[in-house]
Amino acid sequence: WATLDEAVGWIRAAGGQAVIAHPGRYAFTDLQSDALLDSFRALGGTGIEVITGSHTPDQYAVYARIARQTGLLASRGSDFHGPGESRADLGSLPLLPANLPAIWQDW
């Protein structure tokens, strides 16, 4: 397993933008989550997945708020791995809120 520092470093060295994927799946306390986000941002992490097949609609709002508060860019993914293997079909999840900066905005 890579450390957070290594993982973010590898992504950045390859020219990518590091994004915390499906944060709602992690069993962190608020304090642990805040520490992760602080460390992630300090290491050069730039995004957080807001809309994903792993999140509930209530979690969409939670992670949109976190993105706004922390300055992280938002991402959206389905966690689609194939027909019958995923909670959500490809393309069926909502769009990011219009006022939330997307990770891909400057690509």
PDB file of N, CA and C in Angstrom:
ATOM      1  N   TRP A   1       0.826  -1.185   0.000  1.00  0.00           N
ATOM      2  CA  TRP A   1       0.000   0.000   0.000  1.00  0.00           C
ATOM      3  C   TRP A   1       0.867   1.243   0.000  1.00  0.00           C
ATOM      4  N   ALA A   2       0.488   2.189  -0.786  1.00  0.00           N
ATOM      5  CA  ALA A   2       1.185   3.470  -0.847  1.00  0.00           C
ATOM      6  C   ALA A   2       0.674   4.387   0.247  1.00  0.00           C
ATOM      7  N   THR A   3       1.534   5.248   0.703  1.00  0.00           N
ATOM      8  CA  THR A   3       1.094   6.284   1.632  1.00  0.00           C
ATOM      9  C   THR A   3       0.355   7.355   0.831  1.00  0.00           C
ATOM     10  N   LEU A   4      -0.375   8.209   1.528  1.00  0.00           N
ATOM     11  CA  LEU A   4      -1.057   9.315   0.865  1.00  0.00           C
ATOM     12  C   LEU A   4      -0.052  10.194   0.137  1.00  0.00           C
ATOM     13  N   ASP A   5       1.062  10.455   0.788  1.00  0.00           N
ATOM     14  CA  ASP A   5       2.127  11.268   0.191  1.00  0.00           C
ATOM     15  C   ASP A   5       2.625  10.637  -1.109  1.00  0.00           C
ATOM     16  N   GLU A   6       2.874   9.323  -1.104  1.00  0.00           N
ATOM     17  CA  GLU A   6       3.345   8.638  -2.306  1.00  0.00           C
ATOM     18  C   GLU A   6       2.292   8.670  -3.409  1.00  0.00           C
ATOM     19  N   ALA A   7       1.052   8.350  -3.057  1.00  0.00           N
ATOM     20  CA  ALA A   7      -0.013   8.278  -4.058  1.00  0.00           C
ATOM     21  C   ALA A   7      -0.236   9.626  -4.734  1.00  0.00           C
ATOM     22  N   VAL A   8      -0.341  10.683  -3.946  1.00  0.00           N
ATOM     23  CA  VAL A   8      -0.536  12.015  -4.525  1.00  0.00           C
ATOM     24  C   VAL A   8       0.692  12.399  -5.351  1.00  0.00           C
ATOM     25  N   GLY A   9       1.868  12.082  -4.855  1.00  0.00           N
ATOM     26  CA  GLY A   9       3.095  12.383  -5.588  1.00  0.00           C
ATOM     27  C   GLY A   9       3.156  11.684  -6.929  1.00  0.00           C
ATOM     28  N   TRP A  10       2.792  10.411  -6.975  1.00  0.00           N
ATOM     29  CA  TRP A  10       2.808   9.658  -8.235  1.00  0.00           C
ATOM     30  C   TRP A  10       1.828  10.273  -9.238  1.00  0.00           C
ATOM     31  N   ILE A  11       0.634  10.604  -8.756  1.00  0.00           N
ATOM     32  CA  ILE A  11      -0.387  11.177  -9.643  1.00  0.00           C
ATOM     33  C   ILE A  11       0.096  12.508 -10.211  1.00  0.00           C
ATOM     34  N   ARG A  12       0.619  13.355  -9.354  1.00  0.00           N
ATOM     35  CA  ARG A  12       1.103  14.670  -9.795  1.00  0.00           C
ATOM     36  C   ARG A  12       2.309  14.534 -10.730  1.00  0.00           C
ATOM     37  N   ALA A  13       3.207  13.589 -10.432  1.00  0.00           N
ATOM     38  CA  ALA A  13       4.388  13.379 -11.280  1.00  0.00           C
ATOM     39  C   ALA A  13       3.996  12.916 -12.684  1.00  0.00           C
ATOM     40  N   ALA A  14       2.869  12.234 -12.787  1.00  0.00           N
ATOM     41  CA  ALA A  14       2.377  11.756 -14.075  1.00  0.00           C
ATOM     42  C   ALA A  14       1.556  12.821 -14.803  1.00  0.00           C
ATOM     43  N   GLY A  15       1.419  14.004 -14.188  1.00  0.00           N
ATOM     44  CA  GLY A  15       0.664  15.087 -14.811  1.00  0.00           C
ATOM     45  C   GLY A  15      -0.807  15.082 -14.475  1.00  0.00           C
ATOM     46  N   GLY A  16      -1.200  14.257 -13.509  1.00  0.00           N
ATOM     47  CA  GLY A  16      -2.608  14.166 -13.142  1.00  0.00           C
ATOM     48  C   GLY A  16      -2.991  15.047 -11.980  1.00  0.00           C
ATOM     49  N   GLN A  17      -4.262  15.056 -11.686  1.00  0.00           N
ATOM     50  CA  GLN A  17      -4.808  15.758 -10.539  1.00  0.00           C
ATOM     51  C   GLN A  17      -5.360  14.703  -9.584  1.00  0.00           C
ATOM     52  N   ALA A  18      -4.886  14.723  -8.345  1.00  0.00           N
ATOM     53  CA  ALA A  18      -5.326  13.731  -7.362  1.00  0.00           C
ATOM     54  C   ALA A  18      -6.715  14.082  -6.844  1.00  0.00           C
ATOM     55  N   VAL A  19      -7.576  13.066  -6.806  1.00  0.00           N
ATOM     56  CA  VAL A  19      -8.956  13.214  -6.356  1.00  0.00           C
ATOM     57  C   VAL A  19      -9.232  12.137  -5.311  1.00  0.00           C
ATOM     58  N   ILE A  20      -9.869  12.527  -4.217  1.00  0.00           N
ATOM     59  CA  ILE A  20     -10.308  11.529  -3.235  1.00  0.00           C
ATOM     60  C   ILE A  20     -11.572  10.887  -3.781  1.00  0.00           C
ATOM     61  N   ALA A  21     -11.493   9.600  -4.079  1.00  0.00           N
ATOM     62  CA  ALA A  21     -12.616   8.870  -4.660  1.00  0.00           C
ATOM     63  C   ALA A  21     -13.589   8.404  -3.582  1.00  0.00           C
ATOM     64  N   HIS A  22     -14.867   8.459  -3.913  1.00  0.00           N
ATOM     65  CA  HIS A  22     -15.983   7.999  -3.076  1.00  0.00           C
ATOM     66  C   HIS A  22     -15.719   8.109  -1.570  1.00  0.00           C
ATOM     67  N   PRO A  23     -15.534   9.333  -1.065  1.00  0.00           N
ATOM     68  CA  PRO A  23     -15.204   9.509   0.350  1.00  0.00           C
ATOM     69  C   PRO A  23     -16.280   9.013   1.314  1.00  0.00           C
ATOM     70  N   GLY A  24     -17.501   8.885   0.853  1.00  0.00           N
ATOM     71  CA  GLY A  24     -18.577   8.399   1.711  1.00  0.00           C
ATOM     72  C   GLY A  24     -18.445   6.936   2.091  1.00  0.00           C
ATOM     73  N   ARG A  25     -17.558   6.220   1.452  1.00  0.00           N
ATOM     74  CA  ARG A  25     -17.356   4.806   1.765  1.00  0.00           C
ATOM     75  C   ARG A  25     -16.429   4.591   2.956  1.00  0.00           C
ATOM     76  N   TYR A  26     -15.707   5.638   3.359  1.00  0.00           N
ATOM     77  CA  TYR A  26     -14.714   5.485   4.411  1.00  0.00           C
ATOM     78  C   TYR A  26     -15.349   5.743   5.775  1.00  0.00           C
ATOM     79  N   ALA A  27     -15.077   4.863   6.710  1.00  0.00           N
ATOM     80  CA  ALA A  27     -15.652   4.959   8.059  1.00  0.00           C
ATOM     81  C   ALA A  27     -14.769   5.847   8.940  1.00  0.00           C
ATOM     82  N   PHE A  28     -14.719   7.132   8.609  1.00  0.00           N
ATOM     83  CA  PHE A  28     -13.922   8.077   9.366  1.00  0.00           C
ATOM     84  C   PHE A  28     -14.810   8.913  10.269  1.00  0.00           C
ATOM     85  N   THR A  29     -14.278   9.299  11.401  1.00  0.00           N
ATOM     86  CA  THR A  29     -14.949  10.303  12.224  1.00  0.00           C
ATOM     87  C   THR A  29     -14.779  11.648  11.517  1.00  0.00           C
ATOM     88  N   ASP A  30     -15.515  12.660  11.965  1.00  0.00           N
ATOM     89  CA  ASP A  30     -15.353  13.992  11.380  1.00  0.00           C
ATOM     90  C   ASP A  30     -13.917  14.480  11.545  1.00  0.00           C
ATOM     91  N   LEU A  31     -13.324  14.213  12.702  1.00  0.00           N
ATOM     92  CA  LEU A  31     -11.947  14.634  12.953  1.00  0.00           C
ATOM     93  C   LEU A  31     -10.974  13.939  11.995  1.00  0.00           C
ATOM     94  N   GLN A  32     -11.157  12.644  11.786  1.00  0.00           N
ATOM     95  CA  GLN A  32     -10.296  11.901  10.860  1.00  0.00           C
ATOM     96  C   GLN A  32     -10.479  12.392   9.425  1.00  0.00           C
ATOM     97  N   SER A  33     -11.719  12.659   9.044  1.00  0.00           N
ATOM     98  CA  SER A  33     -12.001  13.153   7.701  1.00  0.00           C
ATOM     99  C   SER A  33     -11.350  14.522   7.486  1.00  0.00           C
ATOM    100  N   ASP A  34     -11.477  15.395   8.461  1.00  0.00           N
ATOM    101  CA  ASP A  34     -10.843  16.721   8.362  1.00  0.00           C
ATOM    102  C   ASP A  34      -9.332  16.592   8.243  1.00  0.00           C
ATOM    103  N   ALA A  35      -8.732  15.693   9.021  1.00  0.00           N
ATOM    104  CA  ALA A  35      -7.277  15.493   8.971  1.00  0.00           C
ATOM    105  C   ALA A  35      -6.856  14.968   7.603  1.00  0.00           C
ATOM    106  N   LEU A  36      -7.618  14.018   7.049  1.00  0.00           N
ATOM    107  CA  LEU A  36      -7.318  13.492   5.717  1.00  0.00           C
ATOM    108  C   LEU A  36      -7.369  14.603   4.680  1.00  0.00           C
ATOM    109  N   LEU A  37      -8.445  15.396   4.702  1.00  0.00           N
ATOM    110  CA  LEU A  37      -8.596  16.460   3.718  1.00  0.00           C
ATOM    111  C   LEU A  37      -7.493  17.501   3.845  1.00  0.00           C
ATOM    112  N   ASP A  38      -7.139  17.856   5.072  1.00  0.00           N
ATOM    113  CA  ASP A  38      -6.055  18.824   5.291  1.00  0.00           C
ATOM    114  C   ASP A  38      -4.730  18.290   4.739  1.00  0.00           C
ATOM    115  N   SER A  39      -4.422  17.038   5.050  1.00  0.00           N
ATOM    116  CA  SER A  39      -3.173  16.423   4.559  1.00  0.00           C
ATOM    117  C   SER A  39      -3.188  16.305   3.041  1.00  0.00           C
ATOM    118  N   PHE A  40      -4.295  15.862   2.495  1.00  0.00           N
ATOM    119  CA  PHE A  40      -4.451  15.685   1.053  1.00  0.00           C
ATOM    120  C   PHE A  40      -4.205  16.998   0.326  1.00  0.00           C
ATOM    121  N   ARG A  41      -4.823  18.071   0.789  1.00  0.00           N
ATOM    122  CA  ARG A  41      -4.638  19.381   0.168  1.00  0.00           C
ATOM    123  C   ARG A  41      -3.199  19.868   0.317  1.00  0.00           C
ATOM    124  N   ALA A  42      -2.605  19.656   1.490  1.00  0.00           N
ATOM    125  CA  ALA A  42      -1.222  20.092   1.721  1.00  0.00           C
ATOM    126  C   ALA A  42      -0.242  19.366   0.796  1.00  0.00           C
ATOM    127  N   LEU A  43      -0.568  18.137   0.410  1.00  0.00           N
ATOM    128  CA  LEU A  43       0.292  17.344  -0.470  1.00  0.00           C
ATOM    129  C   LEU A  43       0.062  17.657  -1.947  1.00  0.00           C
ATOM    130  N   GLY A  44      -0.937  18.485  -2.240  1.00  0.00           N
ATOM    131  CA  GLY A  44      -1.217  18.846  -3.624  1.00  0.00           C
ATOM    132  C   GLY A  44      -2.448  18.198  -4.211  1.00  0.00           C
ATOM    133  N   GLY A  45      -3.249  17.522  -3.388  1.00  0.00           N
ATOM    134  CA  GLY A  45      -4.512  16.955  -3.855  1.00  0.00           C
ATOM    135  C   GLY A  45      -5.453  18.074  -4.260  1.00  0.00           C
ATOM    136  N   THR A  46      -6.218  17.865  -5.326  1.00  0.00           N
ATOM    137  CA  THR A  46      -7.029  18.963  -5.850  1.00  0.00           C
ATOM    138  C   THR A  46      -8.524  18.688  -5.954  1.00  0.00           C
ATOM    139  N   GLY A  47      -8.959  17.449  -5.756  1.00  0.00           N
ATOM    140  CA  GLY A  47     -10.375  17.175  -5.977  1.00  0.00           C
ATOM    141  C   GLY A  47     -10.969  16.172  -5.026  1.00  0.00           C
ATOM    142  N   ILE A  48     -12.303  16.172  -5.004  1.00  0.00           N
ATOM    143  CA  ILE A  48     -13.064  15.212  -4.207  1.00  0.00           C
ATOM    144  C   ILE A  48     -14.266  14.758  -5.037  1.00  0.00           C
ATOM    145  N   GLU A  49     -14.528  13.473  -5.016  1.00  0.00           N
ATOM    146  CA  GLU A  49     -15.669  12.936  -5.760  1.00  0.00           C
ATOM    147  C   GLU A  49     -16.942  13.258  -4.988  1.00  0.00           C
ATOM    148  N   VAL A  50     -17.823  13.995  -5.629  1.00  0.00           N
ATOM    149  CA  VAL A  50     -19.071  14.444  -5.010  1.00  0.00           C
ATOM    150  C   VAL A  50     -20.214  13.524  -5.401  1.00  0.00           C
ATOM    151  N   ILE A  51     -20.374  13.301  -6.681  1.00  0.00           N
ATOM    152  CA  ILE A  51     -21.441  12.436  -7.207  1.00  0.00           C
ATOM    153  C   ILE A  51     -20.803  11.119  -7.619  1.00  0.00           C
ATOM    154  N   THR A  52     -21.303  10.032  -7.050  1.00  0.00           N
ATOM    155  CA  THR A  52     -20.790   8.706  -7.381  1.00  0.00           C
ATOM    156  C   THR A  52     -21.865   7.667  -7.059  1.00  0.00           C
ATOM    157  N   GLY A  53     -21.787   6.543  -7.723  1.00  0.00           N
ATOM    158  CA  GLY A  53     -22.721   5.458  -7.441  1.00  0.00           C
ATOM    159  C   GLY A  53     -22.577   4.907  -6.037  1.00  0.00           C
ATOM    160  N   SER A  54     -21.496   5.261  -5.359  1.00  0.00           N
ATOM    161  CA  SER A  54     -21.269   4.810  -3.990  1.00  0.00           C
ATOM    162  C   SER A  54     -21.908   5.727  -2.949  1.00  0.00           C
ATOM    163  N   HIS A  55     -22.375   6.903  -3.368  1.00  0.00           N
ATOM    164  CA  HIS A  55     -22.963   7.857  -2.434  1.00  0.00           C
ATOM    165  C   HIS A  55     -24.478   7.864  -2.535  1.00  0.00           C
ATOM    166  N   THR A  56     -25.107   8.208  -1.439  1.00  0.00           N
ATOM    167  CA  THR A  56     -26.552   8.428  -1.425  1.00  0.00           C
ATOM    168  C   THR A  56     -26.816   9.872  -1.851  1.00  0.00           C
ATOM    169  N   PRO A  57     -28.027  10.199  -2.250  1.00  0.00           N
ATOM    170  CA  PRO A  57     -28.339  11.597  -2.569  1.00  0.00           C
ATOM    171  C   PRO A  57     -28.024  12.559  -1.412  1.00  0.00           C
ATOM    172  N   ASP A  58     -28.219  12.146  -0.178  1.00  0.00           N
ATOM    173  CA  ASP A  58     -27.862  13.007   0.958  1.00  0.00           C
ATOM    174  C   ASP A  58     -26.357  13.267   0.987  1.00  0.00           C
ATOM    175  N   GLN A  59     -25.573  12.263   0.639  1.00  0.00           N
ATOM    176  CA  GLN A  59     -24.119  12.428   0.629  1.00  0.00           C
ATOM    177  C   GLN A  59     -23.660  13.350  -0.496  1.00  0.00           C
ATOM    178  N   TYR A  60     -24.411  13.423  -1.594  1.00  0.00           N
ATOM    179  CA  TYR A  60     -24.051  14.366  -2.658  1.00  0.00           C
ATOM    180  C   TYR A  60     -23.948  15.772  -2.066  1.00  0.00           C
ATOM    181  N   ALA A  61     -24.942  16.146  -1.271  1.00  0.00           N
ATOM    182  CA  ALA A  61     -24.965  17.487  -0.670  1.00  0.00           C
ATOM    183  C   ALA A  61     -23.825  17.665   0.332  1.00  0.00           C
ATOM    184  N   VAL A  62     -23.541  16.623   1.110  1.00  0.00           N
ATOM    185  CA  VAL A  62     -22.460  16.695   2.104  1.00  0.00           C
ATOM    186  C   VAL A  62     -21.126  16.958   1.409  1.00  0.00           C
ATOM    187  N   TYR A  63     -20.818  16.195   0.365  1.00  0.00           N
ATOM    188  CA  TYR A  63     -19.523  16.329  -0.289  1.00  0.00           C
ATOM    189  C   TYR A  63     -19.447  17.565  -1.185  1.00  0.00           C
ATOM    190  N   ALA A  64     -20.587  18.046  -1.672  1.00  0.00           N
ATOM    191  CA  ALA A  64     -20.593  19.334  -2.379  1.00  0.00           C
ATOM    192  C   ALA A  64     -20.231  20.446  -1.396  1.00  0.00           C
ATOM    193  N   ARG A  65     -20.789  20.392  -0.189  1.00  0.00           N
ATOM    194  CA  ARG A  65     -20.482  21.394   0.840  1.00  0.00           C
ATOM    195  C   ARG A  65     -19.005  21.325   1.217  1.00  0.00           C
ATOM    196  N   ILE A  66     -18.492  20.119   1.394  1.00  0.00           N
ATOM    197  CA  ILE A  66     -17.069  19.953   1.740  1.00  0.00           C
ATOM    198  C   ILE A  66     -16.184  20.512   0.625  1.00  0.00           C
ATOM    199  N   ALA A  67     -16.537  20.239  -0.627  1.00  0.00           N
ATOM    200  CA  ALA A  67     -15.751  20.764  -1.746  1.00  0.00           C
ATOM    201  C   ALA A  67     -15.721  22.292  -1.693  1.00  0.00           C
ATOM    202  N   ARG A  68     -16.874  22.900  -1.459  1.00  0.00           N
ATOM    203  CA  ARG A  68     -16.932  24.363  -1.393  1.00  0.00           C
ATOM    204  C   ARG A  68     -16.102  24.893  -0.225  1.00  0.00           C
ATOM    205  N   GLN A  69     -16.235  24.269   0.933  1.00  0.00           N
ATOM    206  CA  GLN A  69     -15.546  24.747   2.141  1.00  0.00           C
ATOM    207  C   GLN A  69     -14.033  24.586   2.052  1.00  0.00           C
ATOM    208  N   THR A  70     -13.575  23.535   1.407  1.00  0.00           N
ATOM    209  CA  THR A  70     -12.138  23.243   1.366  1.00  0.00           C
ATOM    210  C   THR A  70     -11.451  23.779   0.116  1.00  0.00           C
ATOM    211  N   GLY A  71     -12.234  24.197  -0.874  1.00  0.00           N
ATOM    212  CA  GLY A  71     -11.647  24.655  -2.125  1.00  0.00           C
ATOM    213  C   GLY A  71     -11.245  23.523  -3.051  1.00  0.00           C
ATOM    214  N   LEU A  72     -11.662  22.295  -2.735  1.00  0.00           N
ATOM    215  CA  LEU A  72     -11.364  21.172  -3.629  1.00  0.00           C
ATOM    216  C   LEU A  72     -12.311  21.205  -4.823  1.00  0.00           C
ATOM    217  N   LEU A  73     -11.805  20.826  -5.975  1.00  0.00           N
ATOM    218  CA  LEU A  73     -12.627  20.731  -7.166  1.00  0.00           C
ATOM    219  C   LEU A  73     -13.461  19.462  -7.094  1.00  0.00           C
ATOM    220  N   ALA A  74     -14.630  19.492  -7.705  1.00  0.00           N
ATOM    221  CA  ALA A  74     -15.564  18.367  -7.631  1.00  0.00           C
ATOM    222  C   ALA A  74     -15.403  17.428  -8.817  1.00  0.00           C
ATOM    223  N   SER A  75     -15.603  16.143  -8.552  1.00  0.00           N
ATOM    224  CA  SER A  75     -15.646  15.171  -9.644  1.00  0.00           C
ATOM    225  C   SER A  75     -16.943  14.381  -9.538  1.00  0.00           C
ATOM    226  N   ARG A  76     -17.225  13.681 -10.610  1.00  0.00           N
ATOM    227  CA  ARG A  76     -18.459  12.901 -10.714  1.00  0.00           C
ATOM    228  C   ARG A  76     -18.111  11.604 -11.412  1.00  0.00           C
ATOM    229  N   GLY A  77     -18.529  10.502 -10.847  1.00  0.00           N
ATOM    230  CA  GLY A  77     -18.290   9.207 -11.455  1.00  0.00           C
ATOM    231  C   GLY A  77     -19.405   8.250 -11.101  1.00  0.00           C
ATOM    232  N   SER A  78     -19.562   7.215 -11.886  1.00  0.00           N
ATOM    233  CA  SER A  78     -20.661   6.278 -11.658  1.00  0.00           C
ATOM    234  C   SER A  78     -20.261   5.060 -10.848  1.00  0.00           C
ATOM    235  N   ASP A  79     -18.962   4.774 -10.762  1.00  0.00           N
ATOM    236  CA  ASP A  79     -18.480   3.498 -10.230  1.00  0.00           C
ATOM    237  C   ASP A  79     -19.051   2.342 -11.042  1.00  0.00           C
ATOM    238  N   PHE A  80     -19.321   2.603 -12.315  1.00  0.00           N
ATOM    239  CA  PHE A  80     -19.861   1.588 -13.221  1.00  0.00           C
ATOM    240  C   PHE A  80     -18.751   0.657 -13.660  1.00  0.00           C
ATOM    241  N   HIS A  81     -18.951  -0.621 -13.428  1.00  0.00           N
ATOM    242  CA  HIS A  81     -17.953  -1.626 -13.804  1.00  0.00           C
ATOM    243  C   HIS A  81     -18.494  -2.614 -14.827  1.00  0.00           C
ATOM    244  N   GLY A  82     -19.781  -2.539 -15.110  1.00  0.00           N
ATOM    245  CA  GLY A  82     -20.389  -3.416 -16.090  1.00  0.00           C
ATOM    246  C   GLY A  82     -21.849  -3.643 -15.766  1.00  0.00           C
ATOM    247  N   PRO A  83     -22.634  -4.054 -16.757  1.00  0.00           N
ATOM    248  CA  PRO A  83     -24.056  -4.317 -16.513  1.00  0.00           C
ATOM    249  C   PRO A  83     -24.237  -5.338 -15.389  1.00  0.00           C
ATOM    250  N   GLY A  84     -25.099  -5.023 -14.458  1.00  0.00           N
ATOM    251  CA  GLY A  84     -25.384  -5.925 -13.349  1.00  0.00           C
ATOM    252  C   GLY A  84     -24.342  -5.929 -12.246  1.00  0.00           C
ATOM    253  N   GLU A  85     -23.280  -5.144 -12.379  1.00  0.00           N
ATOM    254  CA  GLU A  85     -22.216  -5.127 -11.375  1.00  0.00           C
ATOM    255  C   GLU A  85     -22.188  -3.843 -10.546  1.00  0.00           C
ATOM    256  N   SER A  86     -22.993  -2.867 -10.891  1.00  0.00           N
ATOM    257  CA  SER A  86     -22.911  -1.566 -10.255  1.00  0.00           C
ATOM    258  C   SER A  86     -24.255  -1.138  -9.697  1.00  0.00           C
ATOM    259  N   ARG A  87     -24.199  -0.236  -8.703  1.00  0.00           N
ATOM    260  CA  ARG A  87     -25.435   0.301  -8.115  1.00  0.00           C
ATOM    261  C   ARG A  87     -26.168   1.215  -9.079  1.00  0.00           C
ATOM    262  N   ALA A  88     -25.437   1.883  -9.953  1.00  0.00           N
ATOM    263  CA  ALA A  88     -26.042   2.842 -10.880  1.00  0.00           C
ATOM    264  C   ALA A  88     -25.587   2.542 -12.305  1.00  0.00           C
ATOM    265  N   ASP A  89     -26.525   2.656 -13.228  1.00  0.00           N
ATOM    266  CA  ASP A  89     -26.172   2.471 -14.630  1.00  0.00           C
ATOM    267  C   ASP A  89     -25.389   3.677 -15.126  1.00  0.00           C
ATOM    268  N   LEU A  90     -24.549   3.448 -16.103  1.00  0.00           N
ATOM    269  CA  LEU A  90     -23.726   4.491 -16.694  1.00  0.00           C
ATOM    270  C   LEU A  90     -24.612   5.622 -17.211  1.00  0.00           C
ATOM    271  N   GLY A  91     -24.319   6.842 -16.786  1.00  0.00           N
ATOM    272  CA  GLY A  91     -25.064   8.016 -17.225  1.00  0.00           C
ATOM    273  C   GLY A  91     -26.322   8.312 -16.445  1.00  0.00           C
ATOM    274  N   SER A  92     -26.638   7.518 -15.415  1.00  0.00           N
ATOM    275  CA  SER A  92     -27.903   7.709 -14.706  1.00  0.00           C
ATOM    276  C   SER A  92     -27.810   8.622 -13.483  1.00  0.00           C
ATOM    277  N   LEU A  93     -26.604   8.968 -13.061  1.00  0.00           N
ATOM    278  CA  LEU A  93     -26.454   9.805 -11.870  1.00  0.00           C
ATOM    279  C   LEU A  93     -26.626  11.280 -12.223  1.00  0.00           C
ATOM    280  N   PRO A  94     -26.986  12.105 -11.233  1.00  0.00           N
ATOM    281  CA  PRO A  94     -27.179  13.529 -11.512  1.00  0.00           C
ATOM    282  C   PRO A  94     -25.864  14.226 -11.856  1.00  0.00           C
ATOM    283  N   LEU A  95     -25.996  15.368 -12.513  1.00  0.00           N
ATOM    284  CA  LEU A  95     -24.853  16.203 -12.827  1.00  0.00           C
ATOM    285  C   LEU A  95     -24.367  16.895 -11.556  1.00  0.00           C
ATOM    286  N   LEU A  96     -23.150  17.406 -11.596  1.00  0.00           N
ATOM    287  CA  LEU A  96     -22.662  18.219 -10.483  1.00  0.00           C
ATOM    288  C   LEU A  96     -23.513  19.477 -10.379  1.00  0.00           C
ATOM    289  N   PRO A  97     -23.665  20.023  -9.171  1.00  0.00           N
ATOM    290  CA  PRO A  97     -24.355  21.306  -9.061  1.00  0.00           C
ATOM    291  C   PRO A  97     -23.668  22.349  -9.950  1.00  0.00           C
ATOM    292  N   ALA A  98     -24.450  23.203 -10.590  1.00  0.00           N
ATOM    293  CA  ALA A  98     -23.926  24.158 -11.560  1.00  0.00           C
ATOM    294  C   ALA A  98     -22.899  25.114 -10.970  1.00  0.00           C
ATOM    295  N   ASN A  99     -23.013  25.416  -9.704  1.00  0.00           N
ATOM    296  CA  ASN A  99     -22.110  26.393  -9.090  1.00  0.00           C
ATOM    297  C   ASN A  99     -20.912  25.756  -8.402  1.00  0.00           C
ATOM    298  N   LEU A 100     -20.664  24.495  -8.679  1.00  0.00           N
ATOM    299  CA  LEU A 100     -19.554  23.777  -8.065  1.00  0.00           C
ATOM    300  C   LEU A 100     -18.452  23.565  -9.100  1.00  0.00           C
ATOM    301  N   PRO A 101     -17.263  24.120  -8.878  1.00  0.00           N
ATOM    302  CA  PRO A 101     -16.188  23.973  -9.866  1.00  0.00           C
ATOM    303  C   PRO A 101     -15.799  22.504 -10.067  1.00  0.00           C
ATOM    304  N   ALA A 102     -15.779  22.085 -11.317  1.00  0.00           N
ATOM    305  CA  ALA A 102     -15.464  20.694 -11.657  1.00  0.00           C
ATOM    306  C   ALA A 102     -13.965  20.527 -11.902  1.00  0.00           C
ATOM    307  N   ILE A 103     -13.467  19.362 -11.570  1.00  0.00           N
ATOM    308  CA  ILE A 103     -12.041  19.054 -11.737  1.00  0.00           C
ATOM    309  C   ILE A 103     -11.621  19.217 -13.191  1.00  0.00           C
ATOM    310  N   TRP A 104     -12.515  18.984 -14.121  1.00  0.00           N
ATOM    311  CA  TRP A 104     -12.183  19.028 -15.541  1.00  0.00           C
ATOM    312  C   TRP A 104     -12.388  20.411 -16.163  1.00  0.00           C
ATOM    313  N   GLN A 105     -12.719  21.419 -15.381  1.00  0.00           N
ATOM    314  CA  GLN A 105     -13.062  22.732 -15.921  1.00  0.00           C
ATOM    315  C   GLN A 105     -11.939  23.363 -16.757  1.00  0.00           C
ATOM    316  N   ASP A 106     -10.697  23.069 -16.461  1.00  0.00           N
ATOM    317  CA  ASP A 106      -9.574  23.684 -17.189  1.00  0.00           C
ATOM    318  C   ASP A 106      -8.851  22.712 -18.126  1.00  0.00           C
ATOM    319  N   TRP A 107      -9.429  21.571 -18.399  1.00  0.00           N
ATOM    320  CA  TRP A 107      -8.778  20.615 -19.275  1.00  0.00           C
ATOM    321  C   TRP A 107      -8.929  21.031 -20.720  1.00  0.00           C
TER     322      TRP A 107
END
